[in-house]
Protein backbone atom coordinates (compact mmCIF):
# COMPACT_ATOMS: atom_id res chain seq x y z
CA LEU A 1 98.07 81.88 -2.24
CA VAL A 2 97.08 84.75 -4.54
CA ILE A 3 95.96 88.07 -3.06
CA ALA A 4 94.46 90.45 -5.61
CA THR A 5 93.03 93.92 -5.22
CA GLY A 6 91.09 96.21 -7.53
CA ARG A 7 88.90 95.71 -10.58
CA ALA A 8 91.77 95.11 -12.99
CA THR A 9 92.81 91.99 -11.07
CA VAL A 10 89.40 90.30 -10.94
CA ALA A 11 89.61 88.46 -14.27
CA PRO A 12 93.18 87.13 -13.88
CA ALA A 13 92.56 86.11 -10.26
CA ALA A 14 89.41 84.22 -11.23
CA ALA A 15 91.27 82.59 -14.13
CA ILE A 16 94.00 81.38 -11.79
CA LYS A 17 91.39 79.83 -9.52
CA ARG A 18 89.65 78.16 -12.45
CA CYS A 19 92.87 76.72 -13.90
CA ASN A 20 94.27 75.60 -10.54
CA PRO A 21 91.52 75.07 -7.94
CA ALA A 22 94.11 74.25 -5.27
CA THR A 23 95.32 77.85 -5.31
CA ILE A 24 93.77 79.96 -2.55
CA VAL A 25 92.55 83.22 -4.08
CA VAL A 26 91.69 86.24 -1.94
CA GLN A 27 90.06 89.21 -3.65
CA ILE A 28 90.22 92.59 -1.92
CA GLN A 29 87.48 95.13 -2.73
CA LYS A 30 84.17 94.36 -4.39
CA PRO A 31 84.67 92.19 -7.49
CA THR A 32 82.58 92.58 -10.62
CA ILE A 33 81.64 88.89 -10.53
CA ALA A 34 80.13 86.59 -7.91
CA PRO A 35 82.13 86.40 -4.66
CA SER A 36 81.78 82.60 -4.81
CA ARG A 37 84.41 82.58 -7.58
CA PHE A 38 87.03 83.26 -4.88
CA ASP A 39 87.97 81.61 -1.59
CA LEU A 40 87.65 84.89 0.28
CA VAL A 41 86.53 88.42 -0.54
CA ILE A 42 87.42 91.33 1.75
CA ALA A 43 85.36 94.41 0.95
CA PRO A 44 84.33 97.59 2.79
CA ALA A 45 80.84 97.58 4.27
CA HIS A 46 79.84 100.60 2.17
CA ASP A 47 80.11 98.34 -0.92
CA ARG A 48 77.13 96.36 0.41
CA LEU A 49 78.49 92.95 -0.57
CA ASP A 50 77.16 89.80 1.09
CA GLY A 51 78.26 86.19 0.91
CA ALA A 52 79.38 83.26 3.03
CA ASN A 53 83.01 83.95 2.12
CA VAL A 54 82.82 87.76 2.42
CA ILE A 55 84.42 89.77 5.22
CA SER A 56 83.07 93.31 5.51
CA THR A 57 85.44 95.95 6.85
CA LEU A 58 84.49 99.34 8.22
CA GLY A 59 87.04 101.10 6.02
CA ALA A 60 90.00 100.27 3.82
CA LEU A 61 92.73 97.78 4.58
CA HIS A 62 95.67 99.92 5.64
CA ARG A 63 99.33 100.18 6.62
CA VAL A 64 99.03 101.53 10.16
CA THR A 65 100.43 99.29 12.89
CA PRO A 66 101.75 100.10 16.38
CA ARG A 67 105.29 99.30 15.21
CA ARG A 68 105.04 101.60 12.20
CA LEU A 69 103.74 104.43 14.38
CA GLU A 70 106.53 103.88 16.93
CA ASP A 71 109.16 104.00 14.18
CA ALA A 72 107.60 107.10 12.61
CA ALA A 73 107.43 108.84 15.99
CA GLU A 74 111.16 108.35 16.47
CA THR A 75 111.93 109.53 12.95
CA PHE A 76 109.87 112.74 13.09
CA ARG A 77 109.87 113.60 16.81
CA GLU A 78 112.60 116.21 16.48
CA ARG A 79 110.94 117.80 13.44
CA PHE A 80 107.75 118.53 15.35
CA ALA A 81 109.34 119.19 18.76
CA ALA A 82 109.13 122.97 18.45
CA LEU A 83 105.42 123.02 17.60
CA PRO A 84 103.14 123.93 20.51
CA ARG A 85 100.66 121.42 21.88
CA PRO A 86 98.13 120.23 21.11
CA LEU A 87 99.77 119.10 17.90
CA ILE A 88 97.09 119.29 15.21
CA GLY A 89 97.72 116.85 12.37
CA VAL A 90 96.18 117.82 9.01
CA LEU A 91 95.90 115.37 6.10
CA ILE A 92 94.76 117.05 2.89
CA GLY A 93 93.61 115.23 -0.23
CA GLY A 94 92.05 116.81 -3.27
CA ALA A 95 89.81 116.39 -6.26
CA ASN A 96 88.92 112.93 -7.52
CA ARG A 97 86.02 111.30 -9.35
CA GLN A 98 83.64 112.04 -6.47
CA TYR A 99 84.94 115.23 -4.87
CA ARG A 100 86.00 118.72 -5.93
CA LEU A 101 88.52 121.00 -4.25
CA THR A 102 87.30 124.48 -5.12
CA ALA A 103 88.78 127.87 -4.31
CA THR A 104 85.91 128.58 -1.91
CA THR A 105 86.44 125.27 -0.10
CA THR A 106 90.20 125.72 0.21
CA ALA A 107 89.75 129.23 1.60
CA ARG A 108 87.24 127.91 4.14
CA LEU A 109 89.61 125.12 5.19
CA GLY A 110 92.46 127.58 5.71
CA SER A 111 90.29 129.89 7.81
CA GLN A 112 88.98 127.02 9.95
CA LEU A 113 92.48 125.63 10.49
CA ALA A 114 93.63 129.07 11.64
CA ALA A 115 90.66 129.32 14.01
CA ALA A 116 91.39 125.89 15.49
CA ALA A 117 95.06 126.69 16.04
CA LYS A 118 94.31 130.07 17.64
CA SER A 119 91.58 128.81 19.95
CA SER A 120 93.55 125.76 21.10
CA GLY A 121 96.99 127.36 21.16
CA GLY A 122 98.29 124.38 19.21
CA GLY A 123 100.59 123.95 16.26
CA LEU A 124 99.69 122.60 12.83
CA ALA A 125 101.56 119.73 11.15
CA MET A 126 100.17 119.43 7.65
CA THR A 127 100.83 117.16 4.69
CA PRO A 128 99.09 117.61 1.32
CA SER A 129 98.69 114.93 -1.32
CA ARG A 130 99.60 115.12 -5.00
CA ARG A 131 95.92 115.83 -5.67
CA THR A 132 95.94 118.97 -3.54
CA GLY A 133 97.82 121.13 -6.02
CA ALA A 134 100.20 124.01 -5.38
CA ASP A 135 97.57 126.71 -5.95
CA ASN A 136 95.14 125.16 -3.48
CA LEU A 137 97.88 124.70 -0.91
CA ARG A 138 98.79 128.41 -1.17
CA VAL A 139 95.15 129.36 -0.55
CA ILE A 140 94.94 127.04 2.46
CA SER A 141 98.23 128.32 3.87
CA ALA A 142 97.50 132.04 3.53
CA PRO A 143 95.35 132.37 6.69
CA LEU A 144 98.01 130.45 8.65
CA ASP A 145 100.61 133.19 8.25
CA GLY A 146 102.00 134.07 11.68
CA LEU A 147 100.92 130.77 13.23
CA THR A 148 103.30 127.98 14.20
CA THR A 149 103.02 125.46 11.37
CA ASP A 150 104.95 122.72 9.63
CA ILE A 151 103.70 122.19 6.07
CA TRP A 152 105.40 119.50 4.02
CA ASP A 153 106.69 121.03 0.78
CA GLY A 154 107.12 117.78 -1.11
CA GLU A 155 110.86 117.61 -0.48
CA GLY A 156 112.37 114.77 1.54
CA ASP A 157 110.37 112.11 3.34
CA ASN A 158 106.65 112.68 3.69
CA PRO A 159 105.91 113.07 7.43
CA TYR A 160 102.48 111.40 6.95
CA PHE A 161 103.07 108.56 9.40
CA GLY A 162 104.93 110.88 11.76
CA ILE A 163 101.85 113.08 11.90
CA LEU A 164 99.62 110.06 12.60
CA ALA A 165 102.01 108.97 15.35
CA LEU A 166 102.67 112.31 17.08
CA ALA A 167 99.55 114.41 16.60
CA ASP A 168 97.15 114.84 19.50
CA THR A 169 94.19 115.29 17.17
CA LEU A 170 93.67 114.87 13.42
CA ILE A 171 91.84 116.77 10.69
CA VAL A 172 91.31 114.86 7.44
CA THR A 173 89.56 115.83 4.21
CA SER A 174 86.62 113.63 3.27
CA ASP A 175 87.77 112.54 -0.18
CA SER A 176 89.95 109.54 0.74
CA VAL A 177 88.71 106.35 2.40
CA ASN A 178 92.32 105.32 2.92
CA MET A 179 93.40 108.52 4.69
CA VAL A 180 90.35 108.55 6.96
CA THR A 181 90.70 104.85 7.78
CA GLU A 182 94.39 105.20 8.63
CA ALA A 183 93.67 108.21 10.82
CA CYS A 184 91.00 106.23 12.71
CA ALA A 185 93.46 103.36 13.20
CA THR A 186 95.38 105.60 15.63
CA GLY A 187 92.44 105.87 18.06
CA LYS A 188 92.83 109.66 18.12
CA PRO A 189 90.02 112.17 17.52
CA VAL A 190 89.49 112.45 13.76
CA HIS A 191 87.74 115.57 12.48
CA ILE A 192 86.42 115.33 8.91
CA PHE A 193 86.47 118.38 6.64
CA ASP A 194 83.92 117.92 3.85
CA LEU A 195 84.89 118.75 0.29
CA ASP A 196 82.28 119.52 -2.36
CA GLY A 197 80.64 116.49 -3.96
CA GLY A 198 80.69 112.92 -2.71
CA SER A 199 78.76 109.77 -3.56
CA ALA A 200 76.37 107.31 -1.94
CA LYS A 201 79.29 105.03 -1.05
CA PHE A 202 81.24 107.84 0.60
CA ARG A 203 78.16 108.97 2.49
CA ARG A 204 77.63 105.44 3.83
CA PHE A 205 81.30 105.23 4.79
CA HIS A 206 81.34 108.52 6.68
CA ALA A 207 77.99 107.82 8.35
CA ALA A 208 79.29 104.48 9.65
CA LEU A 209 82.39 106.08 11.18
CA ARG A 210 80.29 108.74 12.89
CA GLU A 211 77.91 106.09 14.23
CA HIS A 212 80.89 104.18 15.67
CA GLY A 213 82.07 107.35 17.41
CA MET A 214 85.32 107.60 15.46
CA THR A 215 84.87 110.83 13.52
CA ARG A 216 83.13 114.16 13.87
CA PRO A 217 82.70 117.04 11.40
CA PHE A 218 85.36 119.75 11.42
CA THR A 219 83.99 123.29 11.46
CA GLY A 220 86.93 125.15 12.99
CA THR A 221 86.66 123.87 16.55
CA LEU A 222 88.61 120.96 18.03
CA GLU A 223 86.86 118.37 20.17
CA SER A 224 88.23 115.56 22.30
CA TRP A 225 86.80 112.04 22.49
CA SER A 226 87.96 108.43 22.56
CA TYR A 227 87.02 105.19 20.83
CA THR A 228 88.40 101.74 20.11
CA PRO A 229 90.05 101.57 16.67
CA PRO A 230 88.52 98.98 14.32
CA ASP A 231 90.13 95.53 14.12
CA ASP A 232 89.57 95.08 10.38
CA MET A 233 93.19 94.24 9.58
CA ALA A 234 93.39 91.60 12.30
CA ARG A 235 90.12 89.98 11.18
CA ALA A 236 91.22 89.95 7.55
CA ALA A 237 94.63 88.45 8.33
CA ALA A 238 93.07 85.81 10.61
CA ALA A 239 90.67 84.77 7.83
CA VAL A 240 93.55 84.32 5.37
CA ARG A 241 95.55 82.31 7.93
CA LYS A 242 92.53 80.07 8.47
CA LEU A 243 92.38 79.30 4.74
CA LEU A 244 96.04 78.27 4.88
């Protein structure tokens, strides 16, 4: 069994299949060649890939499982114990090929986070990514002065999974399919903060999550709702087991 992911793996995975047809080859994400060259292709629905051996997922394949969340909750429970409830989890990305994190956007995010914390009486548990940048994080954090917050400074273990496990509600920037998918895997309300830019694929992805009732836009106010998390990981794993 060979499981490959990403464009750089397409050619070697296809070559393995060609040289040894008995090898089961699973390609994750949309390949640059016909899906029929593989035994199974698992790609997000926003890639618009069809085929008899294609499984379409709502978002990205991810690392969130009930066991991982339970373990993370135990690890980080004491860290977040002093924060008032509701605990507002904030996952911040940054600029990439499709999105920009501008000074105006970061200032707006900081102001809206402050408004959400003040109106709800909750505490903020926030983790930035490497793409956020120290300058942007300072701009975001400035309006939070005087509020009860826990902002990961890059030292020690990243509380990312602890935030997913312990937060009552989540705010996630729009630039990462992985972050948004993992947040939705918790079944908790996921508020999306839009960065500047985007692409047709990202727009299809975010529209699908809104249509499934998983996410709502974040404008400084917290909402409460429920939904059934997607079963993409279970479907993908079952398809691979069937091939075996």
